[in-house]
N, C-alpha and C. Protein backbone atom coordinates (compact mmCIF):
# COMPACT_ATOMS: atom_id res chain seq x y z
N UNK A 1 -21.82 14.34 3.21
CA UNK A 1 -21.29 13.88 1.94
C UNK A 1 -19.79 13.96 1.73
N UNK A 2 -19.20 12.82 1.08
CA UNK A 2 -17.74 12.63 0.82
C UNK A 2 -17.41 13.87 -0.33
N UNK A 3 -16.64 14.68 -0.10
CA UNK A 3 -16.04 15.45 -1.20
C UNK A 3 -14.62 14.95 -1.80
N UNK A 4 -14.90 14.58 -3.29
CA UNK A 4 -13.75 14.21 -3.83
C UNK A 4 -13.14 15.21 -4.74
N UNK A 5 -11.71 15.34 -4.70
CA UNK A 5 -10.99 16.33 -5.54
C UNK A 5 -10.31 15.33 -6.58
N UNK A 6 -10.47 15.39 -7.95
CA UNK A 6 -9.74 14.72 -8.78
C UNK A 6 -8.77 15.82 -9.40
N UNK A 7 -7.42 15.13 -9.63
CA UNK A 7 -6.44 15.71 -10.37
C UNK A 7 -6.08 14.81 -11.45
N UNK A 8 -6.40 15.35 -12.70
CA UNK A 8 -6.01 14.52 -13.94
C UNK A 8 -5.93 15.58 -15.09
N UNK A 9 -5.32 15.20 -16.05
CA UNK A 9 -5.28 15.95 -17.33
C UNK A 9 -6.04 15.24 -18.52
N UNK A 10 -6.76 14.27 -17.97
CA UNK A 10 -7.50 13.43 -19.14
C UNK A 10 -9.06 13.76 -18.78
N UNK A 11 -9.65 14.48 -19.88
CA UNK A 11 -11.10 14.70 -19.71
C UNK A 11 -12.01 13.54 -19.52
N UNK A 12 -11.51 12.41 -19.89
CA UNK A 12 -12.49 11.15 -20.24
C UNK A 12 -12.36 10.56 -18.71
N UNK A 13 -11.51 10.72 -17.85
CA UNK A 13 -11.40 10.26 -16.47
C UNK A 13 -12.51 11.17 -15.75
N UNK A 14 -12.46 12.35 -15.95
CA UNK A 14 -13.26 13.37 -15.19
C UNK A 14 -14.85 13.01 -15.58
N UNK A 15 -15.12 12.80 -16.75
CA UNK A 15 -16.43 12.15 -17.20
C UNK A 15 -16.92 11.07 -16.58
N UNK A 16 -15.96 10.30 -16.49
CA UNK A 16 -16.32 8.88 -15.92
C UNK A 16 -16.56 8.81 -14.52
N UNK A 17 -15.76 9.65 -13.95
CA UNK A 17 -15.81 9.51 -12.31
C UNK A 17 -17.09 10.25 -12.01
N UNK A 18 -17.39 11.43 -12.48
CA UNK A 18 -18.57 12.33 -12.46
C UNK A 18 -19.78 11.45 -12.28
N UNK A 19 -19.85 10.62 -13.48
CA UNK A 19 -21.08 9.70 -13.61
C UNK A 19 -21.17 8.66 -12.47
N UNK A 20 -20.11 7.89 -12.11
CA UNK A 20 -19.95 6.98 -11.22
C UNK A 20 -20.44 7.45 -9.81
N UNK A 21 -19.81 8.70 -9.53
CA UNK A 21 -20.06 9.41 -8.12
C UNK A 21 -21.69 9.84 -7.99
N UNK A 22 -22.25 10.26 -9.12
CA UNK A 22 -23.42 10.44 -9.18
C UNK A 22 -24.65 9.45 -8.88
N UNK A 23 -24.12 8.24 -9.39
CA UNK A 23 -24.96 7.06 -9.24
C UNK A 23 -24.87 6.32 -8.07
N UNK A 24 -23.86 6.70 -7.29
CA UNK A 24 -23.55 5.94 -5.84
C UNK A 24 -23.95 6.87 -4.70
N UNK A 25 -24.31 7.99 -4.78
CA UNK A 25 -24.95 8.91 -3.87
C UNK A 25 -23.91 8.99 -2.70
N UNK A 26 -24.21 9.91 -1.76
CA UNK A 26 -23.30 10.32 -0.64
C UNK A 26 -22.00 10.94 -1.04
N UNK A 27 -21.95 11.40 -2.23
CA UNK A 27 -20.82 12.02 -2.76
C UNK A 27 -21.18 13.68 -3.29
N UNK A 28 -20.44 14.44 -2.94
CA UNK A 28 -20.72 15.95 -3.31
C UNK A 28 -20.13 15.88 -4.62
N UNK A 29 -20.60 16.94 -5.56
CA UNK A 29 -20.25 17.14 -6.85
C UNK A 29 -18.73 17.08 -7.02
N UNK A 30 -18.29 16.28 -7.92
CA UNK A 30 -16.81 16.28 -8.09
C UNK A 30 -16.13 17.49 -8.43
N UNK A 31 -14.96 17.72 -7.81
CA UNK A 31 -14.25 18.87 -7.89
C UNK A 31 -12.96 18.39 -8.85
N UNK A 32 -12.43 19.24 -9.68
CA UNK A 32 -11.38 18.70 -10.62
C UNK A 32 -10.47 19.84 -10.92
N UNK A 33 -9.20 19.40 -10.98
CA UNK A 33 -8.00 20.33 -11.32
C UNK A 33 -7.07 19.70 -12.53
N UNK A 34 -6.56 20.40 -13.14
CA UNK A 34 -5.61 19.80 -14.18
C UNK A 34 -4.12 20.03 -14.13
N UNK A 35 -3.93 20.71 -12.96
CA UNK A 35 -2.46 21.05 -12.78
C UNK A 35 -2.01 20.77 -11.33
N UNK A 36 -0.73 20.45 -11.00
CA UNK A 36 -0.49 20.31 -9.76
C UNK A 36 -0.66 21.47 -8.69
N UNK A 37 -0.07 22.92 -9.40
CA UNK A 37 -0.25 23.94 -8.53
C UNK A 37 -1.84 24.24 -8.16
N UNK A 38 -2.70 23.92 -9.04
CA UNK A 38 -4.23 24.11 -8.69
C UNK A 38 -4.59 23.20 -7.67
N UNK A 39 -3.90 22.01 -7.54
CA UNK A 39 -4.24 20.97 -6.83
C UNK A 39 -3.78 21.43 -5.20
N UNK A 40 -2.65 21.91 -5.33
CA UNK A 40 -2.05 22.36 -3.90
C UNK A 40 -3.03 23.44 -3.50
N UNK A 41 -3.36 24.45 -4.15
CA UNK A 41 -4.44 25.54 -3.81
C UNK A 41 -5.55 24.97 -3.22
N UNK A 42 -6.19 23.83 -3.95
CA UNK A 42 -7.49 23.28 -3.44
C UNK A 42 -7.19 22.56 -2.03
N UNK A 43 -5.98 21.94 -1.85
CA UNK A 43 -5.93 21.37 -0.61
C UNK A 43 -5.61 22.35 0.52
N UNK A 44 -4.86 23.42 0.29
CA UNK A 44 -4.82 24.60 1.25
C UNK A 44 -6.05 25.09 1.62
N UNK A 45 -6.99 25.14 0.56
CA UNK A 45 -8.57 25.57 1.02
C UNK A 45 -9.38 24.53 1.71
N UNK A 46 -8.80 23.41 1.93
CA UNK A 46 -9.57 22.34 2.47
C UNK A 46 -10.76 22.02 1.88
N UNK A 47 -10.44 22.03 0.36
CA UNK A 47 -11.84 21.90 -0.47
C UNK A 47 -12.51 20.36 -0.39
N UNK A 48 -11.73 19.33 0.00
CA UNK A 48 -12.11 17.90 -0.24
C UNK A 48 -11.74 17.20 0.85
N UNK A 49 -12.39 16.01 0.91
CA UNK A 49 -12.00 14.88 1.90
C UNK A 49 -10.92 13.96 1.47
N UNK A 50 -11.20 13.63 0.04
CA UNK A 50 -10.27 12.71 -0.57
C UNK A 50 -9.80 13.46 -1.99
N UNK A 51 -8.48 13.37 -1.97
CA UNK A 51 -7.85 13.77 -3.25
C UNK A 51 -7.48 12.53 -4.03
N UNK A 52 -8.26 12.32 -5.05
CA UNK A 52 -7.90 11.24 -6.09
C UNK A 52 -6.66 11.76 -7.13
N UNK A 53 -5.61 11.44 -7.17
CA UNK A 53 -4.60 11.75 -7.97
C UNK A 53 -4.14 10.83 -9.10
N UNK A 54 -4.48 11.14 -10.29
CA UNK A 54 -3.99 10.47 -11.46
C UNK A 54 -2.45 10.47 -11.57
N UNK A 55 -1.77 9.23 -11.51
CA UNK A 55 -0.41 9.02 -11.52
C UNK A 55 0.23 9.65 -12.78
N UNK A 56 0.13 10.95 -13.20
CA UNK A 56 0.91 11.46 -14.45
C UNK A 56 2.26 11.64 -14.31
N UNK A 57 3.03 12.11 -15.17
CA UNK A 57 4.48 12.18 -15.08
C UNK A 57 4.69 13.57 -14.18
N UNK A 58 3.87 14.12 -13.77
CA UNK A 58 4.16 15.29 -12.84
C UNK A 58 4.25 14.95 -11.45
N UNK A 59 3.50 13.71 -11.11
CA UNK A 59 3.32 13.29 -9.78
C UNK A 59 4.75 12.33 -9.48
N UNK A 60 5.58 13.05 -8.75
CA UNK A 60 6.95 12.60 -8.38
C UNK A 60 6.78 12.28 -6.91
N UNK A 61 7.71 11.70 -6.42
CA UNK A 61 7.96 11.69 -4.56
C UNK A 61 8.01 12.98 -4.17
N UNK A 62 8.59 13.88 -4.76
CA UNK A 62 8.66 15.41 -4.23
C UNK A 62 7.43 15.86 -4.43
N UNK A 63 6.65 15.68 -5.30
CA UNK A 63 5.38 16.10 -5.56
C UNK A 63 4.45 15.61 -4.34
N UNK A 64 4.46 14.41 -4.13
CA UNK A 64 3.64 13.83 -3.24
C UNK A 64 4.05 14.46 -1.81
N UNK A 65 5.32 14.47 -1.48
CA UNK A 65 5.68 15.17 -0.22
C UNK A 65 4.93 16.56 0.00
N UNK A 66 5.10 17.40 -1.04
CA UNK A 66 4.46 18.58 -0.98
C UNK A 66 3.04 18.67 -0.67
N UNK A 67 2.14 17.58 -1.60
CA UNK A 67 0.79 17.49 -1.53
C UNK A 67 0.53 17.20 0.11
N UNK A 68 1.27 16.08 0.66
CA UNK A 68 0.86 15.80 2.01
C UNK A 68 1.12 16.87 3.03
N UNK A 69 2.12 17.87 2.74
CA UNK A 69 2.28 18.97 3.81
C UNK A 69 1.24 19.69 3.81
N UNK A 70 0.47 19.88 2.48
CA UNK A 70 -0.73 20.78 2.45
C UNK A 70 -2.12 20.21 2.66
N UNK A 71 -2.09 18.84 3.03
CA UNK A 71 -3.28 18.10 2.71
C UNK A 71 -4.40 18.45 3.76
N UNK A 72 -4.05 19.15 5.02
CA UNK A 72 -4.99 19.58 5.79
C UNK A 72 -5.92 18.33 6.27
N UNK A 73 -5.66 17.29 6.12
CA UNK A 73 -6.46 16.38 6.68
C UNK A 73 -7.19 15.62 5.40
N UNK A 74 -6.97 16.06 4.44
CA UNK A 74 -7.46 15.30 3.20
C UNK A 74 -6.73 14.10 2.82
N UNK A 75 -7.50 13.11 2.67
CA UNK A 75 -6.90 11.80 2.27
C UNK A 75 -6.33 11.73 0.83
N UNK A 76 -5.07 11.20 0.72
CA UNK A 76 -4.62 11.42 -0.68
C UNK A 76 -4.45 9.83 -1.20
N UNK A 77 -5.05 9.76 -2.46
CA UNK A 77 -5.05 8.41 -3.10
C UNK A 77 -4.38 8.47 -4.44
N UNK A 78 -3.57 7.63 -4.81
CA UNK A 78 -2.91 7.67 -5.98
C UNK A 78 -3.69 6.65 -7.05
N UNK A 79 -4.17 7.05 -8.17
CA UNK A 79 -5.01 6.32 -9.18
C UNK A 79 -4.10 5.92 -10.28
N UNK A 80 -3.69 4.70 -10.32
CA UNK A 80 -2.70 4.19 -11.11
C UNK A 80 -3.18 3.10 -11.97
N UNK A 81 -2.20 2.74 -13.12
CA UNK A 81 -2.70 1.64 -13.82
C UNK A 81 -1.77 0.60 -13.40
N UNK A 82 -0.66 0.74 -12.99
CA UNK A 82 0.28 -0.29 -12.42
C UNK A 82 1.24 0.39 -11.46
N UNK A 83 1.68 -0.24 -10.45
CA UNK A 83 2.67 0.29 -9.47
C UNK A 83 3.45 -0.69 -8.84
N UNK A 84 4.72 -0.33 -8.79
CA UNK A 84 5.81 -1.50 -8.15
C UNK A 84 5.55 -1.44 -6.91
N UNK A 85 5.97 -2.61 -6.13
CA UNK A 85 5.78 -2.56 -4.63
C UNK A 85 6.75 -1.68 -3.91
N UNK A 86 7.94 -1.33 -4.51
CA UNK A 86 8.83 -0.34 -3.87
C UNK A 86 8.17 0.99 -4.01
N UNK A 87 7.41 1.40 -5.09
CA UNK A 87 6.89 2.67 -5.03
C UNK A 87 5.68 2.58 -3.95
N UNK A 88 4.94 1.62 -3.98
CA UNK A 88 3.81 1.51 -2.99
C UNK A 88 4.39 1.68 -1.54
N UNK A 89 5.34 1.17 -1.19
CA UNK A 89 5.96 1.19 0.16
C UNK A 89 6.34 2.66 0.39
N UNK A 90 7.07 3.16 -0.60
CA UNK A 90 7.46 4.65 -0.36
C UNK A 90 6.26 5.53 -0.22
N UNK A 91 5.19 5.49 -1.21
CA UNK A 91 4.05 6.41 -1.08
C UNK A 91 3.31 6.18 0.27
N UNK A 92 3.07 4.97 0.65
CA UNK A 92 2.56 4.70 1.89
C UNK A 92 3.17 5.34 3.19
N UNK A 93 4.59 5.32 3.31
CA UNK A 93 5.41 5.76 4.00
C UNK A 93 5.39 7.47 4.10
N UNK A 94 5.05 7.96 2.97
CA UNK A 94 5.00 9.51 2.97
C UNK A 94 3.57 9.77 3.51
N UNK A 95 2.56 8.99 3.59
CA UNK A 95 1.44 9.26 4.03
C UNK A 95 0.13 9.22 3.26
N UNK A 96 0.49 8.66 1.89
CA UNK A 96 -0.57 8.34 1.02
C UNK A 96 -1.68 7.36 1.66
N UNK A 97 -2.71 7.44 1.41
CA UNK A 97 -4.03 6.67 2.22
C UNK A 97 -4.23 5.48 1.29
N UNK A 98 -4.07 5.57 -0.04
CA UNK A 98 -4.50 4.49 -0.90
C UNK A 98 -3.69 4.42 -2.11
N UNK A 99 -3.52 3.40 -2.72
CA UNK A 99 -3.23 3.08 -4.09
C UNK A 99 -4.27 2.30 -4.94
N UNK A 100 -4.93 2.98 -5.75
CA UNK A 100 -6.06 2.43 -6.32
C UNK A 100 -5.81 2.33 -7.90
N UNK A 101 -6.18 1.01 -8.29
CA UNK A 101 -5.81 0.39 -9.51
C UNK A 101 -7.07 0.88 -10.49
N UNK A 102 -6.67 1.69 -11.59
CA UNK A 102 -7.81 2.14 -12.49
C UNK A 102 -8.70 1.11 -13.20
N UNK A 103 -8.07 -0.31 -13.12
CA UNK A 103 -8.73 -1.30 -13.73
C UNK A 103 -9.73 -2.10 -12.91
N UNK A 104 -9.75 -1.67 -11.54
CA UNK A 104 -10.67 -2.21 -10.43
C UNK A 104 -12.02 -2.04 -10.90
N UNK A 105 -13.01 -3.15 -10.51
CA UNK A 105 -14.41 -2.74 -10.78
C UNK A 105 -15.01 -1.54 -10.09
N UNK A 106 -15.94 -0.81 -10.48
CA UNK A 106 -16.47 0.22 -9.93
C UNK A 106 -16.76 0.17 -8.20
N UNK A 107 -17.31 -0.91 -7.87
CA UNK A 107 -17.69 -1.11 -6.44
C UNK A 107 -16.41 -0.76 -5.89
N UNK A 108 -15.21 -1.57 -6.24
CA UNK A 108 -13.95 -1.50 -5.40
C UNK A 108 -13.65 0.07 -5.54
N UNK A 109 -13.79 0.82 -6.58
CA UNK A 109 -13.43 2.23 -6.72
C UNK A 109 -13.98 3.07 -5.56
N UNK A 110 -15.26 2.75 -5.51
CA UNK A 110 -16.08 3.43 -4.74
C UNK A 110 -15.98 3.07 -3.09
N UNK A 111 -15.56 1.79 -2.90
CA UNK A 111 -15.14 1.30 -1.50
C UNK A 111 -13.93 2.07 -1.11
N UNK A 112 -12.82 2.15 -1.92
CA UNK A 112 -11.78 2.67 -1.58
C UNK A 112 -11.88 4.20 -1.13
N UNK A 113 -12.63 4.94 -1.94
CA UNK A 113 -12.99 6.51 -1.73
C UNK A 113 -13.65 6.45 -0.39
N UNK A 114 -14.40 5.59 0.01
CA UNK A 114 -15.16 5.61 1.29
C UNK A 114 -14.26 5.22 2.37
N UNK A 115 -13.46 4.31 2.12
CA UNK A 115 -12.53 3.97 3.07
C UNK A 115 -11.71 4.74 3.65
N UNK A 116 -10.98 5.59 2.72
CA UNK A 116 -9.93 6.34 3.03
C UNK A 116 -10.30 7.66 3.72
N UNK A 117 -11.65 8.00 3.38
CA UNK A 117 -12.35 9.29 3.73
C UNK A 117 -12.60 9.02 5.45
N UNK A 118 -12.72 7.78 5.80
CA UNK A 118 -12.83 7.43 7.12
C UNK A 118 -11.53 7.22 8.04
N UNK A 119 -10.27 7.56 7.39
CA UNK A 119 -9.20 7.33 7.98
C UNK A 119 -8.37 6.18 7.90
N UNK A 120 -8.88 5.25 7.15
CA UNK A 120 -8.36 3.83 6.78
C UNK A 120 -7.55 3.95 5.53
N UNK A 121 -6.52 2.87 5.43
CA UNK A 121 -5.91 2.81 4.32
C UNK A 121 -6.35 1.77 3.06
N UNK A 122 -6.27 1.99 1.87
CA UNK A 122 -6.70 1.05 0.97
C UNK A 122 -5.65 0.55 0.19
N UNK A 123 -5.40 -0.77 0.27
CA UNK A 123 -4.38 -1.44 -0.49
C UNK A 123 -4.97 -2.85 -0.93
N UNK A 124 -4.45 -3.12 -2.09
CA UNK A 124 -5.04 -4.39 -2.67
C UNK A 124 -4.25 -5.50 -2.06
N UNK A 125 -4.61 -6.78 -1.88
CA UNK A 125 -3.92 -7.76 -1.20
C UNK A 125 -2.33 -8.05 -1.77
N UNK A 126 -2.16 -7.91 -2.92
CA UNK A 126 -0.59 -7.96 -3.23
C UNK A 126 0.35 -7.00 -2.62
N UNK A 127 -0.11 -5.85 -2.33
CA UNK A 127 0.59 -4.67 -1.92
C UNK A 127 0.56 -4.83 -0.41
N UNK A 128 -0.20 -5.34 0.32
CA UNK A 128 -0.35 -5.13 1.72
C UNK A 128 0.78 -5.85 2.42
N UNK A 129 1.16 -7.05 2.04
CA UNK A 129 2.47 -7.72 2.57
C UNK A 129 3.61 -6.79 2.28
N UNK A 130 3.81 -6.47 1.00
CA UNK A 130 4.99 -5.60 0.75
C UNK A 130 5.12 -4.45 1.45
N UNK A 131 4.04 -3.90 1.83
CA UNK A 131 4.09 -2.51 2.52
C UNK A 131 4.57 -2.94 4.02
N UNK A 132 3.95 -4.13 4.47
CA UNK A 132 4.25 -4.65 5.82
C UNK A 132 5.84 -4.64 5.86
N UNK A 133 6.34 -5.41 4.82
CA UNK A 133 7.75 -5.82 4.66
C UNK A 133 8.67 -4.60 4.92
N UNK A 134 8.21 -3.19 4.38
CA UNK A 134 8.92 -2.24 4.19
C UNK A 134 8.86 -1.36 5.48
N UNK A 135 7.90 -1.89 6.49
CA UNK A 135 7.82 -1.10 7.87
C UNK A 135 8.25 -2.27 9.00
N UNK A 136 8.09 -1.57 10.28
CA UNK A 136 8.43 -2.41 11.40
C UNK A 136 7.43 -3.41 11.85
N UNK A 137 6.53 -3.62 10.91
CA UNK A 137 5.53 -4.55 11.28
C UNK A 137 6.12 -6.06 11.38
N UNK A 138 6.92 -6.35 10.40
CA UNK A 138 7.74 -7.42 10.48
C UNK A 138 9.23 -7.23 10.96
N UNK A 139 9.56 -8.20 11.80
CA UNK A 139 10.97 -8.00 12.33
C UNK A 139 12.12 -8.67 11.13
N UNK A 140 13.36 -8.24 11.42
CA UNK A 140 14.18 -9.06 10.65
C UNK A 140 14.23 -10.46 10.53
N UNK A 141 13.94 -11.11 11.62
CA UNK A 141 13.75 -12.59 11.84
C UNK A 141 12.98 -13.04 10.99
N UNK A 142 11.68 -12.38 11.13
CA UNK A 142 10.39 -12.85 10.40
C UNK A 142 10.58 -12.72 8.81
N UNK A 143 11.42 -11.63 8.43
CA UNK A 143 11.92 -11.47 7.16
C UNK A 143 12.79 -12.72 6.52
N UNK A 144 13.55 -13.01 7.49
CA UNK A 144 14.64 -14.12 7.12
C UNK A 144 13.64 -15.42 7.04
N UNK A 145 12.78 -15.68 7.81
CA UNK A 145 11.73 -16.79 7.74
C UNK A 145 11.20 -16.88 6.30
N UNK A 146 10.57 -15.59 5.85
CA UNK A 146 9.91 -15.69 4.60
C UNK A 146 10.86 -16.08 3.45
N UNK A 147 12.05 -15.61 3.42
CA UNK A 147 12.92 -16.10 2.44
C UNK A 147 13.24 -17.54 2.32
N UNK A 148 13.40 -18.06 3.77
CA UNK A 148 13.68 -19.52 3.67
C UNK A 148 12.35 -20.47 3.47
N UNK A 149 11.42 -19.88 3.86
CA UNK A 149 10.04 -20.69 3.64
C UNK A 149 9.72 -20.80 2.13
N UNK A 150 10.07 -19.71 1.42
CA UNK A 150 9.81 -19.34 0.00
C UNK A 150 10.82 -20.49 -0.78
N UNK A 151 11.87 -20.93 0.11
CA UNK A 151 12.75 -21.84 -0.66
C UNK A 151 12.46 -23.37 -0.42
N UNK A 152 11.49 -23.35 0.44
CA UNK A 152 10.82 -24.70 0.77
C UNK A 152 11.68 -25.59 1.81
N UNK A 153 12.19 -24.70 2.76
CA UNK A 153 13.03 -25.37 3.66
C UNK A 153 12.27 -25.94 4.92
N UNK A 154 12.60 -26.96 5.44
CA UNK A 154 11.83 -27.46 6.56
C UNK A 154 12.46 -26.93 7.93
N UNK A 155 11.73 -27.04 8.99
CA UNK A 155 11.79 -26.43 10.17
C UNK A 155 13.41 -26.64 10.53
N UNK A 156 13.88 -27.88 10.44
CA UNK A 156 15.15 -28.44 10.86
C UNK A 156 16.28 -27.54 10.14
N UNK A 157 16.02 -27.54 8.80
CA UNK A 157 17.10 -26.90 7.94
C UNK A 157 16.95 -25.34 8.30
N UNK A 158 15.75 -24.73 8.47
CA UNK A 158 15.89 -23.33 9.02
C UNK A 158 16.45 -22.98 10.15
N UNK A 159 16.34 -23.97 11.19
CA UNK A 159 17.02 -23.85 12.39
C UNK A 159 18.45 -23.77 12.18
N UNK A 160 19.02 -24.58 11.27
CA UNK A 160 20.39 -24.76 11.07
C UNK A 160 20.90 -23.56 10.54
N UNK A 161 20.14 -22.88 9.60
CA UNK A 161 20.74 -21.71 8.89
C UNK A 161 20.69 -20.57 9.87
N UNK A 162 19.74 -20.39 10.56
CA UNK A 162 19.61 -19.33 11.51
C UNK A 162 20.18 -19.51 13.08
N UNK A 163 20.58 -20.87 13.30
CA UNK A 163 21.40 -21.10 14.37
C UNK A 163 20.52 -21.10 15.54
N UNK A 164 19.48 -21.43 15.50
CA UNK A 164 18.32 -21.61 16.57
C UNK A 164 17.86 -22.86 16.74
N UNK A 165 16.72 -23.18 17.69
CA UNK A 165 16.44 -24.44 17.81
C UNK A 165 15.21 -24.66 17.04
N UNK A 166 14.80 -25.82 16.70
CA UNK A 166 13.65 -25.96 15.89
C UNK A 166 12.12 -25.51 16.77
N UNK A 167 12.19 -25.61 17.94
CA UNK A 167 11.17 -25.06 18.77
C UNK A 167 10.99 -23.56 18.59
N UNK A 168 12.15 -22.94 18.48
CA UNK A 168 12.14 -21.31 18.24
C UNK A 168 11.61 -21.03 16.80
N UNK A 169 12.09 -21.90 15.87
CA UNK A 169 11.45 -21.85 14.52
C UNK A 169 9.88 -21.99 14.49
N UNK A 170 9.37 -22.94 15.10
CA UNK A 170 8.05 -23.08 15.03
C UNK A 170 7.13 -22.00 15.67
N UNK A 171 7.89 -21.31 16.81
CA UNK A 171 7.27 -20.25 17.45
C UNK A 171 7.10 -18.91 16.40
N UNK A 172 8.40 -18.89 15.75
CA UNK A 172 8.47 -17.64 14.75
C UNK A 172 7.48 -17.86 13.63
N UNK A 173 7.45 -18.98 13.05
CA UNK A 173 6.55 -19.47 12.02
C UNK A 173 5.09 -19.09 12.39
N UNK A 174 4.70 -19.50 13.57
CA UNK A 174 3.44 -19.24 14.04
C UNK A 174 3.04 -17.83 14.17
N UNK A 175 4.08 -17.10 14.69
CA UNK A 175 3.76 -15.56 14.79
C UNK A 175 3.75 -14.80 13.40
N UNK A 176 4.60 -15.33 12.45
CA UNK A 176 4.64 -14.84 11.13
C UNK A 176 3.40 -15.05 10.57
N UNK A 177 2.92 -16.36 10.55
CA UNK A 177 1.51 -16.53 9.83
C UNK A 177 0.27 -15.74 10.56
N UNK A 178 0.32 -15.52 11.79
CA UNK A 178 -0.78 -14.76 12.26
C UNK A 178 -0.72 -13.34 11.90
N UNK A 179 0.50 -12.66 11.78
CA UNK A 179 0.73 -11.24 11.25
C UNK A 179 0.20 -11.15 9.73
N UNK A 180 0.56 -12.10 8.93
CA UNK A 180 0.55 -11.95 7.52
C UNK A 180 -0.83 -12.47 7.05
N UNK A 181 -1.63 -12.98 8.17
CA UNK A 181 -3.06 -13.65 7.79
C UNK A 181 -3.12 -14.79 6.66
N UNK A 182 -2.08 -15.71 6.97
CA UNK A 182 -2.22 -17.01 6.07
C UNK A 182 -2.35 -18.22 6.99
N UNK A 183 -2.97 -19.11 6.25
CA UNK A 183 -3.46 -20.27 7.12
C UNK A 183 -2.36 -21.32 7.43
N UNK A 184 -1.29 -21.33 6.32
CA UNK A 184 -0.40 -22.17 6.44
C UNK A 184 1.02 -21.79 5.81
N UNK A 185 2.08 -22.32 6.12
CA UNK A 185 3.59 -21.88 5.48
C UNK A 185 3.35 -22.10 3.94
N UNK A 186 2.78 -23.12 3.40
CA UNK A 186 2.72 -23.29 2.09
C UNK A 186 2.08 -22.14 1.20
N UNK A 187 1.00 -21.53 1.80
CA UNK A 187 0.04 -20.74 1.16
C UNK A 187 1.02 -19.41 1.21
N UNK A 188 1.64 -19.08 2.52
CA UNK A 188 2.56 -17.88 2.54
C UNK A 188 3.76 -17.91 1.56
N UNK A 189 4.41 -19.12 1.48
CA UNK A 189 5.45 -19.09 0.46
C UNK A 189 5.19 -18.97 -0.93
N UNK A 190 3.93 -19.44 -1.29
CA UNK A 190 3.46 -19.35 -2.73
C UNK A 190 3.03 -17.78 -3.00
N UNK A 191 2.63 -17.09 -1.87
CA UNK A 191 2.20 -15.74 -2.13
C UNK A 191 3.36 -14.89 -2.38
N UNK A 192 4.53 -15.12 -1.41
CA UNK A 192 5.74 -14.44 -1.72
C UNK A 192 6.52 -14.66 -2.93
N UNK A 193 6.45 -15.72 -3.40
CA UNK A 193 7.01 -15.98 -4.76
C UNK A 193 6.22 -15.53 -5.79
N UNK A 194 4.66 -15.45 -5.92
CA UNK A 194 3.97 -15.08 -6.98
C UNK A 194 4.01 -13.63 -6.95
N UNK A 195 4.12 -12.92 -6.01
CA UNK A 195 4.36 -11.45 -6.01
C UNK A 195 5.74 -10.83 -6.10
N UNK A 196 6.72 -11.73 -6.17
CA UNK A 196 8.02 -11.32 -6.23
C UNK A 196 8.40 -10.51 -4.92
N UNK A 197 8.03 -10.88 -3.65
CA UNK A 197 8.30 -10.20 -2.37
C UNK A 197 9.66 -10.63 -1.68
N UNK A 198 10.32 -11.50 -2.34
CA UNK A 198 11.34 -11.92 -1.79
C UNK A 198 12.48 -10.90 -1.52
N UNK A 199 12.54 -9.77 -2.35
CA UNK A 199 13.53 -8.72 -2.42
C UNK A 199 13.33 -7.99 -1.36
N UNK A 200 12.13 -7.99 -0.77
CA UNK A 200 11.78 -7.33 0.67
C UNK A 200 12.29 -7.87 1.67
N UNK A 201 12.89 -9.16 1.60
CA UNK A 201 13.25 -9.92 2.84
C UNK A 201 14.79 -10.16 2.87
N UNK A 202 15.60 -9.24 2.74
CA UNK A 202 16.90 -9.84 2.65
C UNK A 202 17.59 -10.38 4.11
N UNK A 203 18.25 -11.47 3.96
CA UNK A 203 18.67 -12.01 5.31
C UNK A 203 19.94 -11.29 5.71
N UNK A 204 19.81 -10.69 7.10
CA UNK A 204 20.96 -9.98 7.48
C UNK A 204 22.02 -10.69 7.79
N UNK A 205 23.37 -10.10 8.06
CA UNK A 205 24.46 -10.94 8.27
C UNK A 205 24.55 -11.36 9.61
N UNK A 206 23.91 -10.97 10.46
CA UNK A 206 23.89 -11.62 11.87
C UNK A 206 22.59 -12.24 12.20
N UNK A 207 22.39 -12.71 13.49
CA UNK A 207 21.30 -13.44 13.63
C UNK A 207 20.42 -12.70 15.01
N UNK A 208 20.68 -11.43 15.07
CA UNK A 208 19.75 -10.58 16.05
C UNK A 208 18.53 -10.29 15.45
N UNK A 209 17.57 -9.84 16.20
CA UNK A 209 16.20 -9.65 15.81
C UNK A 209 16.11 -8.14 15.63
N UNK A 210 16.67 -7.51 14.66
CA UNK A 210 16.77 -6.27 14.48
C UNK A 210 15.40 -5.66 13.83
N UNK A 211 15.11 -4.25 13.87
CA UNK A 211 13.83 -3.66 13.37
C UNK A 211 14.09 -3.68 11.86
N UNK A 212 13.02 -3.81 11.16
CA UNK A 212 12.90 -3.76 9.61
C UNK A 212 13.46 -2.37 9.26
N UNK A 213 14.34 -2.44 8.08
CA UNK A 213 14.83 -0.93 7.66
C UNK A 213 13.61 -0.21 7.23
N UNK A 214 13.77 1.05 7.39
CA UNK A 214 12.71 2.14 6.96
C UNK A 214 12.76 2.43 5.41
């Protein structure tokens, strides 16, 4: 059975999650704490498989670093009402296994807890590409392409800007679409614009294919 540890200072969240876990089976009785020190103690004790952390004012980047150090294999999930792409990237970089929106349907909440308990990462679609952009999954050249594609440029125009051949542009775009799981360039460009991800794709000052910034 999956053991879930909930950190929150809101009793209504405790009551709600307790009821949901009882109804869906394969979950041990919910453990709860209301302070970060108590949460740390529970992590040291290896009391849970998943720590679901309500994103209160007490949960800072420094707090998450401390929690990760004491996690003992416990998957950490941030339970949020909203989160910026920048914070999501930083949290995943620190080892957080999931960013869970409180507004999602109950089946999705349960799926998240099950997924992270098996070692996988939970992210909603709008955050997945942003997290990729914050890591080495996409190269600097691919980030450049995202910016230019979002501006509606054709292959010839992109080739001119990047000082490469049109054939090379086609190869890069094909690889980019494959990595980002989009069927065509228009779909990818719309996605980047819709979720404001262009800020994660600065065009470098030279044309070398450098690793993405950490």
